[in-house]
Amino acid sequence: MLTINPGNISTSEFHSYLLGAVAPRPIAFASTMDKNGNINLSPFSFFNVFGSNPPVLVFSPSRRVRDNTTKHSFDNVKEVPEVVINIVNFAIVEQMSLASTEYDRGINEFEKSGLTQVPSEMIKPPRVKEAPVAFECKVLNIIPVGEGGGAANLVICEVILMHIHQAILDENNKIDPQKLDAVARMGGDWYCRASGTSLFEIPKPIRNKGIGVDNIPSEIRNSSVLTGNNLGRLANIEILPTKEEVAEYSNQPEIQEMKLRFKNDQESLIFHIHQFAKESLESGDIEKAWKILLQA
């Protein structure tokens, strides 16, 4: 394992490691305005949501590592403490990247990127028409953390109005992650796209009190087939199937066939039972997986 003390390498080197490791990061595509009315549009991947009452977003237009200068977005929110945080999806990722170009002060990145500037309803900076979601925000506080190149400037924003394109909503008016098609930042020139098979669901443990991995029988916990993820899903069940349920499931053709085929080879039986259970787990049927596992 490579172990790095940030004090022993340059800031730019450690910056690269940080951004490579802490990923993917959501992107705040921030539109701001200076006191003279000049518009700026720039992306920041030091960004996330931090509360819902009040709704708070935080992004950081950090000082440039190479020369310790501040970014126009940071200067703007100090002059006009308002910002629209636009969410980036795959449809606008190239234009978002173009807007990150370090154009001179006063240059409007909406025009350079070809994105459409539309008026906000409650604040001065405009929003990006093409963005799937846009948050109109008041800046509550700006917290500089350090004075050197790479130092963070935490811009704490309260959401006062949210715009959502109808096209990304499901039949229940909830945001559909597949339709959102969000993009996140990785290290270097890399991004990732949150859609298709890269999206998956995990039942939240908060909904129930699972038995925990420590209560999984050792012969299952030490399986050569099941992964740590598999064990985590198994441990999220509250109550194991009853002996009667397990006995009833033993009549399934697949179980009968395996028990017959490996009647003289217990090790192979356990291996194939665990393989069969793994398939059920990965298709989302935890109860069936437990009924299979308890056959061995």
C-alpha atoms as a PDB file:
ATOM      1  CA  MET A   1       0.000   0.000   0.000  1.00  0.00           C
ATOM      2  CA  LEU A   2       1.218   3.477  -0.914  1.00  0.00           C
ATOM      3  CA  THR A   3       1.058   5.767   2.136  1.00  0.00           C
ATOM      4  CA  ILE A   4       1.406   9.520   1.576  1.00  0.00           C
ATOM      5  CA  ASN A   5       1.935  12.325   4.039  1.00  0.00           C
ATOM      6  CA  PRO A   6       0.549  15.454   2.297  1.00  0.00           C
ATOM      7  CA  GLY A   7       3.381  17.477   3.791  1.00  0.00           C
ATOM      8  CA  ASN A   8       5.971  15.394   1.945  1.00  0.00           C
ATOM      9  CA  ILE A   9       4.802  16.012  -1.632  1.00  0.00           C
ATOM     10  CA  SER A  10       3.733  19.073  -3.587  1.00  0.00           C
ATOM     11  CA  THR A  11       0.203  20.421  -3.304  1.00  0.00           C
ATOM     12  CA  SER A  12      -0.417  19.701  -6.983  1.00  0.00           C
ATOM     13  CA  GLU A  13       0.624  16.059  -6.581  1.00  0.00           C
ATOM     14  CA  PHE A  14      -1.579  15.545  -3.526  1.00  0.00           C
ATOM     15  CA  HIS A  15      -4.414  17.410  -5.259  1.00  0.00           C
ATOM     16  CA  SER A  16      -4.242  14.833  -8.044  1.00  0.00           C
ATOM     17  CA  TYR A  17      -4.399  11.935  -5.589  1.00  0.00           C
ATOM     18  CA  LEU A  18      -7.325  13.520  -3.738  1.00  0.00           C
ATOM     19  CA  LEU A  19      -9.388  14.006  -6.871  1.00  0.00           C
ATOM     20  CA  GLY A  20      -8.566  10.534  -8.121  1.00  0.00           C
ATOM     21  CA  ALA A  21      -9.631   8.898  -4.868  1.00  0.00           C
ATOM     22  CA  VAL A  22     -12.615  10.990  -3.778  1.00  0.00           C
ATOM     23  CA  ALA A  23     -14.809  10.157  -6.740  1.00  0.00           C
ATOM     24  CA  PRO A  24     -17.291  10.329  -8.306  1.00  0.00           C
ATOM     25  CA  ARG A  25     -18.119  13.876  -7.246  1.00  0.00           C
ATOM     26  CA  PRO A  26     -21.334  15.692  -8.206  1.00  0.00           C
ATOM     27  CA  ILE A  27     -20.865  18.882 -10.186  1.00  0.00           C
ATOM     28  CA  ALA A  28     -22.179  22.308  -9.200  1.00  0.00           C
ATOM     29  CA  PHE A  29     -22.534  24.222 -12.456  1.00  0.00           C
ATOM     30  CA  ALA A  30     -22.647  27.628 -10.806  1.00  0.00           C
ATOM     31  CA  SER A  31     -23.970  30.763 -12.445  1.00  0.00           C
ATOM     32  CA  THR A  32     -23.045  33.983 -10.642  1.00  0.00           C
ATOM     33  CA  MET A  33     -23.018  37.723 -11.255  1.00  0.00           C
ATOM     34  CA  ASP A  34     -20.627  40.499 -10.262  1.00  0.00           C
ATOM     35  CA  LYS A  35     -21.682  43.943  -9.000  1.00  0.00           C
ATOM     36  CA  ASN A  36     -21.548  45.299 -12.566  1.00  0.00           C
ATOM     37  CA  GLY A  37     -23.953  42.669 -13.867  1.00  0.00           C
ATOM     38  CA  ASN A  38     -21.380  40.484 -15.639  1.00  0.00           C
ATOM     39  CA  ILE A  39     -22.437  36.832 -15.728  1.00  0.00           C
ATOM     40  CA  ASN A  40     -20.122  33.897 -14.985  1.00  0.00           C
ATOM     41  CA  LEU A  41     -20.862  30.199 -15.447  1.00  0.00           C
ATOM     42  CA  SER A  42     -18.386  27.653 -14.102  1.00  0.00           C
ATOM     43  CA  PRO A  43     -18.398  24.033 -12.840  1.00  0.00           C
ATOM     44  CA  PHE A  44     -17.127  22.910  -9.430  1.00  0.00           C
ATOM     45  CA  SER A  45     -16.841  19.316  -8.268  1.00  0.00           C
ATOM     46  CA  PHE A  46     -16.132  20.247  -4.657  1.00  0.00           C
ATOM     47  CA  PHE A  47     -19.873  20.207  -4.047  1.00  0.00           C
ATOM     48  CA  ASN A  48     -22.718  18.459  -2.244  1.00  0.00           C
ATOM     49  CA  VAL A  49     -25.992  18.795  -0.341  1.00  0.00           C
ATOM     50  CA  PHE A  50     -25.654  19.219   3.421  1.00  0.00           C
ATOM     51  CA  GLY A  51     -29.164  19.680   4.796  1.00  0.00           C
ATOM     52  CA  SER A  52     -32.840  19.907   3.924  1.00  0.00           C
ATOM     53  CA  ASN A  53     -34.272  22.141   6.673  1.00  0.00           C
ATOM     54  CA  PRO A  54     -33.226  24.661   5.592  1.00  0.00           C
ATOM     55  CA  PRO A  55     -32.102  23.180   2.261  1.00  0.00           C
ATOM     56  CA  VAL A  56     -28.361  23.819   2.106  1.00  0.00           C
ATOM     57  CA  LEU A  57     -25.843  23.211  -0.674  1.00  0.00           C
ATOM     58  CA  VAL A  58     -22.118  23.861  -0.341  1.00  0.00           C
ATOM     59  CA  PHE A  59     -19.574  24.254  -3.112  1.00  0.00           C
ATOM     60  CA  SER A  60     -15.962  25.364  -3.066  1.00  0.00           C
ATOM     61  CA  PRO A  61     -14.360  27.555  -5.723  1.00  0.00           C
ATOM     62  CA  SER A  62     -10.919  26.785  -4.328  1.00  0.00           C
ATOM     63  CA  ARG A  63      -7.843  28.901  -4.945  1.00  0.00           C
ATOM     64  CA  ARG A  64      -5.944  27.775  -8.019  1.00  0.00           C
ATOM     65  CA  VAL A  65      -3.144  25.409  -7.055  1.00  0.00           C
ATOM     66  CA  ARG A  66      -0.657  26.679  -9.625  1.00  0.00           C
ATOM     67  CA  ASP A  67      -0.715  30.416  -8.806  1.00  0.00           C
ATOM     68  CA  ASN A  68      -2.942  30.908  -5.733  1.00  0.00           C
ATOM     69  CA  THR A  69      -5.412  33.148  -7.608  1.00  0.00           C
ATOM     70  CA  THR A  70      -9.146  33.150  -6.865  1.00  0.00           C
ATOM     71  CA  LYS A  71     -11.841  32.230  -9.355  1.00  0.00           C
ATOM     72  CA  HIS A  72     -14.396  34.648 -10.759  1.00  0.00           C
ATOM     73  CA  SER A  73     -17.256  32.694  -9.159  1.00  0.00           C
ATOM     74  CA  PHE A  74     -15.720  33.231  -5.719  1.00  0.00           C
ATOM     75  CA  ASP A  75     -15.214  36.935  -6.330  1.00  0.00           C
ATOM     76  CA  ASN A  76     -18.775  37.239  -7.654  1.00  0.00           C
ATOM     77  CA  VAL A  77     -20.557  35.644  -4.692  1.00  0.00           C
ATOM     78  CA  LYS A  78     -18.737  38.040  -2.402  1.00  0.00           C
ATOM     79  CA  GLU A  79     -20.079  40.979  -4.438  1.00  0.00           C
ATOM     80  CA  VAL A  80     -23.559  39.540  -5.145  1.00  0.00           C
ATOM     81  CA  PRO A  81     -24.316  36.776  -2.602  1.00  0.00           C
ATOM     82  CA  GLU A  82     -26.554  34.747  -4.887  1.00  0.00           C
ATOM     83  CA  VAL A  83     -25.937  31.743  -7.132  1.00  0.00           C
ATOM     84  CA  VAL A  84     -27.804  29.278  -9.309  1.00  0.00           C
ATOM     85  CA  ILE A  85     -26.440  25.761  -8.935  1.00  0.00           C
ATOM     86  CA  ASN A  86     -27.318  23.899 -12.113  1.00  0.00           C
ATOM     87  CA  ILE A  87     -27.068  20.105 -12.212  1.00  0.00           C
ATOM     88  CA  VAL A  88     -25.089  18.550 -15.060  1.00  0.00           C
ATOM     89  CA  ASN A  89     -26.295  15.587 -17.089  1.00  0.00           C
ATOM     90  CA  PHE A  90     -24.773  13.783 -20.043  1.00  0.00           C
ATOM     91  CA  ALA A  91     -26.598  15.953 -22.591  1.00  0.00           C
ATOM     92  CA  ILE A  92     -24.611  19.047 -21.561  1.00  0.00           C
ATOM     93  CA  VAL A  93     -21.341  17.579 -20.253  1.00  0.00           C
ATOM     94  CA  GLU A  94     -19.158  18.816 -23.146  1.00  0.00           C
ATOM     95  CA  GLN A  95     -20.605  22.328 -22.911  1.00  0.00           C
ATOM     96  CA  MET A  96     -20.099  22.284 -19.136  1.00  0.00           C
ATOM     97  CA  SER A  97     -16.461  21.302 -19.662  1.00  0.00           C
ATOM     98  CA  LEU A  98     -15.996  24.127 -22.154  1.00  0.00           C
ATOM     99  CA  ALA A  99     -17.376  26.595 -19.613  1.00  0.00           C
ATOM    100  CA  SER A 100     -14.543  25.635 -17.243  1.00  0.00           C
ATOM    101  CA  THR A 101     -12.097  27.411 -19.564  1.00  0.00           C
ATOM    102  CA  GLU A 102     -10.397  30.285 -17.773  1.00  0.00           C
ATOM    103  CA  TYR A 103     -11.840  33.085 -19.857  1.00  0.00           C
ATOM    104  CA  ASP A 104     -11.064  36.667 -18.908  1.00  0.00           C
ATOM    105  CA  ARG A 105     -13.249  38.487 -16.397  1.00  0.00           C
ATOM    106  CA  GLY A 106     -16.398  39.815 -18.035  1.00  0.00           C
ATOM    107  CA  ILE A 107     -16.623  37.026 -20.607  1.00  0.00           C
ATOM    108  CA  ASN A 108     -20.014  35.277 -20.435  1.00  0.00           C
ATOM    109  CA  GLU A 109     -19.531  31.485 -20.437  1.00  0.00           C
ATOM    110  CA  PHE A 110     -23.177  31.012 -21.425  1.00  0.00           C
ATOM    111  CA  GLU A 111     -22.236  32.465 -24.799  1.00  0.00           C
ATOM    112  CA  LYS A 112     -18.946  30.569 -25.053  1.00  0.00           C
ATOM    113  CA  SER A 113     -20.556  27.218 -24.184  1.00  0.00           C
ATOM    114  CA  GLY A 114     -23.674  27.743 -26.290  1.00  0.00           C
ATOM    115  CA  LEU A 115     -25.973  27.134 -23.330  1.00  0.00           C
ATOM    116  CA  THR A 116     -29.180  29.130 -22.931  1.00  0.00           C
ATOM    117  CA  GLN A 117     -29.359  31.829 -20.278  1.00  0.00           C
ATOM    118  CA  VAL A 118     -32.832  32.215 -18.754  1.00  0.00           C
ATOM    119  CA  PRO A 119     -33.833  34.610 -15.949  1.00  0.00           C
ATOM    120  CA  SER A 120     -34.156  33.304 -12.416  1.00  0.00           C
ATOM    121  CA  GLU A 121     -37.325  34.130 -10.515  1.00  0.00           C
ATOM    122  CA  MET A 122     -35.974  35.140  -7.104  1.00  0.00           C
ATOM    123  CA  ILE A 123     -32.304  36.040  -7.597  1.00  0.00           C
ATOM    124  CA  LYS A 124     -30.190  38.028 -10.068  1.00  0.00           C
ATOM    125  CA  PRO A 125     -27.934  35.366 -11.679  1.00  0.00           C
ATOM    126  CA  PRO A 126     -29.627  33.451 -14.514  1.00  0.00           C
ATOM    127  CA  ARG A 127     -29.984  29.706 -14.759  1.00  0.00           C
ATOM    128  CA  VAL A 128     -29.107  27.192 -17.471  1.00  0.00           C
ATOM    129  CA  LYS A 129     -32.202  26.300 -19.468  1.00  0.00           C
ATOM    130  CA  GLU A 130     -30.768  22.938 -20.558  1.00  0.00           C
ATOM    131  CA  ALA A 131     -29.882  21.790 -17.018  1.00  0.00           C
ATOM    132  CA  PRO A 132     -32.245  19.060 -15.761  1.00  0.00           C
ATOM    133  CA  VAL A 133     -32.343  20.695 -12.311  1.00  0.00           C
ATOM    134  CA  ALA A 134     -31.458  24.188 -11.129  1.00  0.00           C
ATOM    135  CA  PHE A 135     -31.385  25.612  -7.612  1.00  0.00           C
ATOM    136  CA  GLU A 136     -31.776  29.330  -7.025  1.00  0.00           C
ATOM    137  CA  CYS A 137     -29.767  30.059  -3.886  1.00  0.00           C
ATOM    138  CA  LYS A 138     -28.938  32.802  -1.431  1.00  0.00           C
ATOM    139  CA  VAL A 139     -25.367  32.680  -0.111  1.00  0.00           C
ATOM    140  CA  LEU A 140     -25.502  32.343   3.686  1.00  0.00           C
ATOM    141  CA  ASN A 141     -21.800  32.345   4.408  1.00  0.00           C
ATOM    142  CA  ILE A 142     -18.388  32.082   2.786  1.00  0.00           C
ATOM    143  CA  ILE A 143     -15.679  30.347   4.782  1.00  0.00           C
ATOM    144  CA  PRO A 144     -12.086  30.536   3.496  1.00  0.00           C
ATOM    145  CA  VAL A 145      -9.987  27.605   4.696  1.00  0.00           C
ATOM    146  CA  GLY A 146      -6.343  28.521   4.243  1.00  0.00           C
ATOM    147  CA  GLU A 147      -4.586  31.133   2.131  1.00  0.00           C
ATOM    148  CA  GLY A 148      -2.321  29.087  -0.142  1.00  0.00           C
ATOM    149  CA  GLY A 149      -2.885  27.608  -3.568  1.00  0.00           C
ATOM    150  CA  GLY A 150      -5.515  24.866  -3.397  1.00  0.00           C
ATOM    151  CA  ALA A 151      -7.159  26.282  -0.261  1.00  0.00           C
ATOM    152  CA  ALA A 152     -10.907  25.799  -0.040  1.00  0.00           C
ATOM    153  CA  ASN A 153     -13.510  28.560  -0.032  1.00  0.00           C
ATOM    154  CA  LEU A 154     -16.723  27.053   1.286  1.00  0.00           C
ATOM    155  CA  VAL A 155     -19.741  28.813  -0.177  1.00  0.00           C
ATOM    156  CA  ILE A 156     -22.753  27.858   1.935  1.00  0.00           C
ATOM    157  CA  CYS A 157     -25.998  28.334   0.021  1.00  0.00           C
ATOM    158  CA  GLU A 158     -29.657  28.143   0.983  1.00  0.00           C
ATOM    159  CA  VAL A 159     -31.977  26.902  -1.752  1.00  0.00           C
ATOM    160  CA  ILE A 160     -34.925  29.270  -2.134  1.00  0.00           C
ATOM    161  CA  LEU A 161     -36.340  27.866  -5.372  1.00  0.00           C
ATOM    162  CA  MET A 162     -35.832  24.636  -7.300  1.00  0.00           C
ATOM    163  CA  HIS A 163     -36.549  24.026 -10.991  1.00  0.00           C
ATOM    164  CA  ILE A 164     -36.937  20.461 -12.327  1.00  0.00           C
ATOM    165  CA  HIS A 165     -37.479  19.547 -15.968  1.00  0.00           C
ATOM    166  CA  GLN A 166     -40.651  17.483 -16.300  1.00  0.00           C
ATOM    167  CA  ALA A 167     -38.813  15.096 -18.624  1.00  0.00           C
ATOM    168  CA  ILE A 168     -36.755  13.600 -15.764  1.00  0.00           C
ATOM    169  CA  LEU A 169     -39.748  12.831 -13.507  1.00  0.00           C
ATOM    170  CA  ASP A 170     -41.430   9.446 -13.171  1.00  0.00           C
ATOM    171  CA  GLU A 171     -45.159   8.769 -12.920  1.00  0.00           C
ATOM    172  CA  ASN A 172     -45.069   9.722  -9.223  1.00  0.00           C
ATOM    173  CA  ASN A 173     -43.380  13.062  -9.922  1.00  0.00           C
ATOM    174  CA  LYS A 174     -40.124  11.790  -8.401  1.00  0.00           C
ATOM    175  CA  ILE A 175     -36.753  12.211 -10.085  1.00  0.00           C
ATOM    176  CA  ASP A 176     -35.957   9.102 -12.120  1.00  0.00           C
ATOM    177  CA  PRO A 177     -32.167   8.532 -11.988  1.00  0.00           C
ATOM    178  CA  GLN A 178     -32.212   6.906 -15.412  1.00  0.00           C
ATOM    179  CA  LYS A 179     -33.926   9.928 -16.941  1.00  0.00           C
ATOM    180  CA  LEU A 180     -31.703  12.348 -15.013  1.00  0.00           C
ATOM    181  CA  ASP A 181     -28.629  10.741 -16.620  1.00  0.00           C
ATOM    182  CA  ALA A 182     -26.346  12.592 -14.203  1.00  0.00           C
ATOM    183  CA  VAL A 183     -22.638  13.098 -14.761  1.00  0.00           C
ATOM    184  CA  ALA A 184     -19.993  13.145 -12.026  1.00  0.00           C
ATOM    185  CA  ARG A 185     -16.339  14.108 -11.896  1.00  0.00           C
ATOM    186  CA  MET A 186     -13.468  11.683 -11.476  1.00  0.00           C
ATOM    187  CA  GLY A 187      -9.736  12.441 -11.435  1.00  0.00           C
ATOM    188  CA  GLY A 188      -7.799  13.950 -14.343  1.00  0.00           C
ATOM    189  CA  ASP A 189      -9.883  14.172 -17.514  1.00  0.00           C
ATOM    190  CA  TRP A 190     -12.263  11.455 -16.375  1.00  0.00           C
ATOM    191  CA  TYR A 191     -16.022  11.649 -15.751  1.00  0.00           C
ATOM    192  CA  CYS A 192     -18.640   9.005 -15.090  1.00  0.00           C
ATOM    193  CA  ARG A 193     -22.242   8.677 -16.218  1.00  0.00           C
ATOM    194  CA  ALA A 194     -24.908   7.553 -13.735  1.00  0.00           C
ATOM    195  CA  SER A 195     -27.225   5.608 -16.013  1.00  0.00           C
ATOM    196  CA  GLY A 196     -27.896   2.167 -17.392  1.00  0.00           C
ATOM    197  CA  THR A 197     -26.290  -0.762 -15.620  1.00  0.00           C
ATOM    198  CA  SER A 198     -24.106   1.553 -13.511  1.00  0.00           C
ATOM    199  CA  LEU A 199     -27.211   2.284 -11.403  1.00  0.00           C
ATOM    200  CA  PHE A 200     -28.312  -0.232  -8.783  1.00  0.00           C
ATOM    201  CA  GLU A 201     -30.541  -0.313  -5.710  1.00  0.00           C
ATOM    202  CA  ILE A 202     -29.719  -1.394  -2.151  1.00  0.00           C
ATOM    203  CA  PRO A 203     -32.535  -1.561   0.427  1.00  0.00           C
ATOM    204  CA  LYS A 204     -31.742   0.962   3.132  1.00  0.00           C
ATOM    205  CA  PRO A 205     -30.906  -0.657   6.512  1.00  0.00           C
ATOM    206  CA  ILE A 206     -32.793   2.213   8.173  1.00  0.00           C
ATOM    207  CA  ARG A 207     -36.034   0.480   7.137  1.00  0.00           C
ATOM    208  CA  ASN A 208     -35.350  -2.505   9.356  1.00  0.00           C
ATOM    209  CA  LYS A 209     -32.872  -3.799  11.916  1.00  0.00           C
ATOM    210  CA  GLY A 210     -30.910  -6.511  10.155  1.00  0.00           C
ATOM    211  CA  ILE A 211     -29.379  -9.459  11.976  1.00  0.00           C
ATOM    212  CA  GLY A 212     -25.833  -8.325  11.113  1.00  0.00           C
ATOM    213  CA  VAL A 213     -22.985 -10.302   9.585  1.00  0.00           C
ATOM    214  CA  ASP A 214     -21.958 -11.532  13.031  1.00  0.00           C
ATOM    215  CA  ASN A 215     -25.213 -13.510  13.260  1.00  0.00           C
ATOM    216  CA  ILE A 216     -24.784 -15.264   9.923  1.00  0.00           C
ATOM    217  CA  PRO A 217     -23.848 -18.935  10.488  1.00  0.00           C
ATOM    218  CA  SER A 218     -20.091 -19.371  10.154  1.00  0.00           C
ATOM    219  CA  GLU A 219     -20.343 -21.870   7.285  1.00  0.00           C
ATOM    220  CA  ILE A 220     -22.144 -19.175   5.268  1.00  0.00           C
ATOM    221  CA  ARG A 221     -20.089 -16.261   6.575  1.00  0.00           C
ATOM    222  CA  ASN A 222     -16.859 -18.036   5.555  1.00  0.00           C
ATOM    223  CA  SER A 223     -18.158 -19.046   2.131  1.00  0.00           C
ATOM    224  CA  SER A 224     -15.680 -19.217  -0.726  1.00  0.00           C
ATOM    225  CA  VAL A 225     -18.460 -18.087  -3.073  1.00  0.00           C
ATOM    226  CA  LEU A 226     -20.251 -15.247  -1.326  1.00  0.00           C
ATOM    227  CA  THR A 227     -18.665 -11.803  -1.370  1.00  0.00           C
ATOM    228  CA  GLY A 228     -18.665  -9.140   1.320  1.00  0.00           C
ATOM    229  CA  ASN A 229     -21.475  -7.403  -0.569  1.00  0.00           C
ATOM    230  CA  ASN A 230     -23.453 -10.651  -0.589  1.00  0.00           C
ATOM    231  CA  LEU A 231     -22.993 -11.033   3.159  1.00  0.00           C
ATOM    232  CA  GLY A 232     -24.039  -7.422   3.715  1.00  0.00           C
ATOM    233  CA  ARG A 233     -27.276  -8.028   1.849  1.00  0.00           C
ATOM    234  CA  LEU A 234     -27.921 -11.294   3.709  1.00  0.00           C
ATOM    235  CA  ALA A 235     -27.333  -9.554   7.039  1.00  0.00           C
ATOM    236  CA  ASN A 236     -30.022  -6.967   6.272  1.00  0.00           C
ATOM    237  CA  ILE A 237     -32.813  -9.460   6.937  1.00  0.00           C
ATOM    238  CA  GLU A 238     -34.672  -9.113  10.249  1.00  0.00           C
ATOM    239  CA  ILE A 239     -35.919 -12.686  10.669  1.00  0.00           C
ATOM    240  CA  LEU A 240     -34.548 -15.851   9.109  1.00  0.00           C
ATOM    241  CA  PRO A 241     -36.947 -18.229   7.325  1.00  0.00           C
ATOM    242  CA  THR A 242     -38.550 -20.758   9.648  1.00  0.00           C
ATOM    243  CA  LYS A 243     -37.568 -24.434   9.637  1.00  0.00           C
ATOM    244  CA  GLU A 244     -40.917 -25.161   8.024  1.00  0.00           C
ATOM    245  CA  GLU A 245     -40.260 -22.680   5.212  1.00  0.00           C
ATOM    246  CA  VAL A 246     -36.791 -24.113   4.615  1.00  0.00           C
ATOM    247  CA  ALA A 247     -38.165 -27.666   4.594  1.00  0.00           C
ATOM    248  CA  GLU A 248     -40.867 -26.693   2.120  1.00  0.00           C
ATOM    249  CA  TYR A 249     -38.312 -25.068  -0.165  1.00  0.00           C
ATOM    250  CA  SER A 250     -36.238 -28.253  -0.159  1.00  0.00           C
ATOM    251  CA  ASN A 251     -38.850 -29.719  -2.519  1.00  0.00           C
ATOM    252  CA  GLN A 252     -37.816 -27.323  -5.277  1.00  0.00           C
ATOM    253  CA  PRO A 253     -36.481 -29.253  -8.317  1.00  0.00           C
ATOM    254  CA  GLU A 254     -33.176 -27.370  -8.327  1.00  0.00           C
ATOM    255  CA  ILE A 255     -32.506 -28.291  -4.695  1.00  0.00           C
ATOM    256  CA  GLN A 256     -33.530 -31.905  -5.197  1.00  0.00           C
ATOM    257  CA  GLU A 257     -31.277 -32.182  -8.249  1.00  0.00           C
ATOM    258  CA  MET A 258     -28.245 -30.744  -6.432  1.00  0.00           C
ATOM    259  CA  LYS A 259     -28.733 -32.946  -3.381  1.00  0.00           C
ATOM    260  CA  LEU A 260     -28.970 -36.013  -5.600  1.00  0.00           C
ATOM    261  CA  ARG A 261     -26.006 -35.059  -7.774  1.00  0.00           C
ATOM    262  CA  PHE A 262     -23.712 -34.313  -4.828  1.00  0.00           C
ATOM    263  CA  LYS A 263     -25.056 -36.792  -2.261  1.00  0.00           C
ATOM    264  CA  ASN A 264     -21.559 -38.131  -1.721  1.00  0.00           C
ATOM    265  CA  ASP A 265     -19.737 -34.802  -1.993  1.00  0.00           C
ATOM    266  CA  GLN A 266     -20.778 -32.363   0.727  1.00  0.00           C
ATOM    267  CA  GLU A 267     -18.171 -29.779  -0.247  1.00  0.00           C
ATOM    268  CA  SER A 268     -19.441 -29.580  -3.831  1.00  0.00           C
ATOM    269  CA  LEU A 269     -23.031 -29.438  -2.592  1.00  0.00           C
ATOM    270  CA  ILE A 270     -22.256 -26.434  -0.406  1.00  0.00           C
ATOM    271  CA  PHE A 271     -20.399 -24.733  -3.257  1.00  0.00           C
ATOM    272  CA  HIS A 272     -23.315 -25.114  -5.685  1.00  0.00           C
ATOM    273  CA  ILE A 273     -25.897 -24.185  -3.037  1.00  0.00           C
ATOM    274  CA  HIS A 274     -23.967 -20.990  -2.382  1.00  0.00           C
ATOM    275  CA  GLN A 275     -23.700 -20.268  -6.120  1.00  0.00           C
ATOM    276  CA  PHE A 276     -27.458 -20.706  -6.489  1.00  0.00           C
ATOM    277  CA  ALA A 277     -28.101 -18.427  -3.493  1.00  0.00           C
ATOM    278  CA  LYS A 278     -25.718 -15.807  -4.895  1.00  0.00           C
ATOM    279  CA  GLU A 279     -27.801 -15.626  -8.086  1.00  0.00           C
ATOM    280  CA  SER A 280     -30.947 -14.997  -6.034  1.00  0.00           C
ATOM    281  CA  LEU A 281     -29.204 -12.351  -3.954  1.00  0.00           C
ATOM    282  CA  GLU A 282     -27.971 -10.510  -7.008  1.00  0.00           C
ATOM    283  CA  SER A 283     -31.481 -10.515  -8.457  1.00  0.00           C
ATOM    284  CA  GLY A 284     -32.735  -8.958  -5.209  1.00  0.00           C
ATOM    285  CA  ASP A 285     -34.524 -11.922  -3.583  1.00  0.00           C
ATOM    286  CA  ILE A 286     -32.945 -12.128  -0.121  1.00  0.00           C
ATOM    287  CA  GLU A 287     -35.590 -14.446   1.379  1.00  0.00           C
ATOM    288  CA  LYS A 288     -35.145 -16.994  -1.392  1.00  0.00           C
ATOM    289  CA  ALA A 289     -31.372 -16.791  -0.975  1.00  0.00           C
ATOM    290  CA  TRP A 290     -31.680 -17.625   2.724  1.00  0.00           C
ATOM    291  CA  LYS A 291     -33.994 -20.569   2.002  1.00  0.00           C
ATOM    292  CA  ILE A 292     -31.397 -21.894  -0.446  1.00  0.00           C
ATOM    293  CA  LEU A 293     -28.435 -21.368   1.880  1.00  0.00           C
ATOM    294  CA  LEU A 294     -30.112 -23.149   4.775  1.00  0.00           C
ATOM    295  CA  GLN A 295     -30.450 -26.297   2.667  1.00  0.00           C
ATOM    296  CA  ALA A 296     -26.776 -27.157   3.073  1.00  0.00           C
END
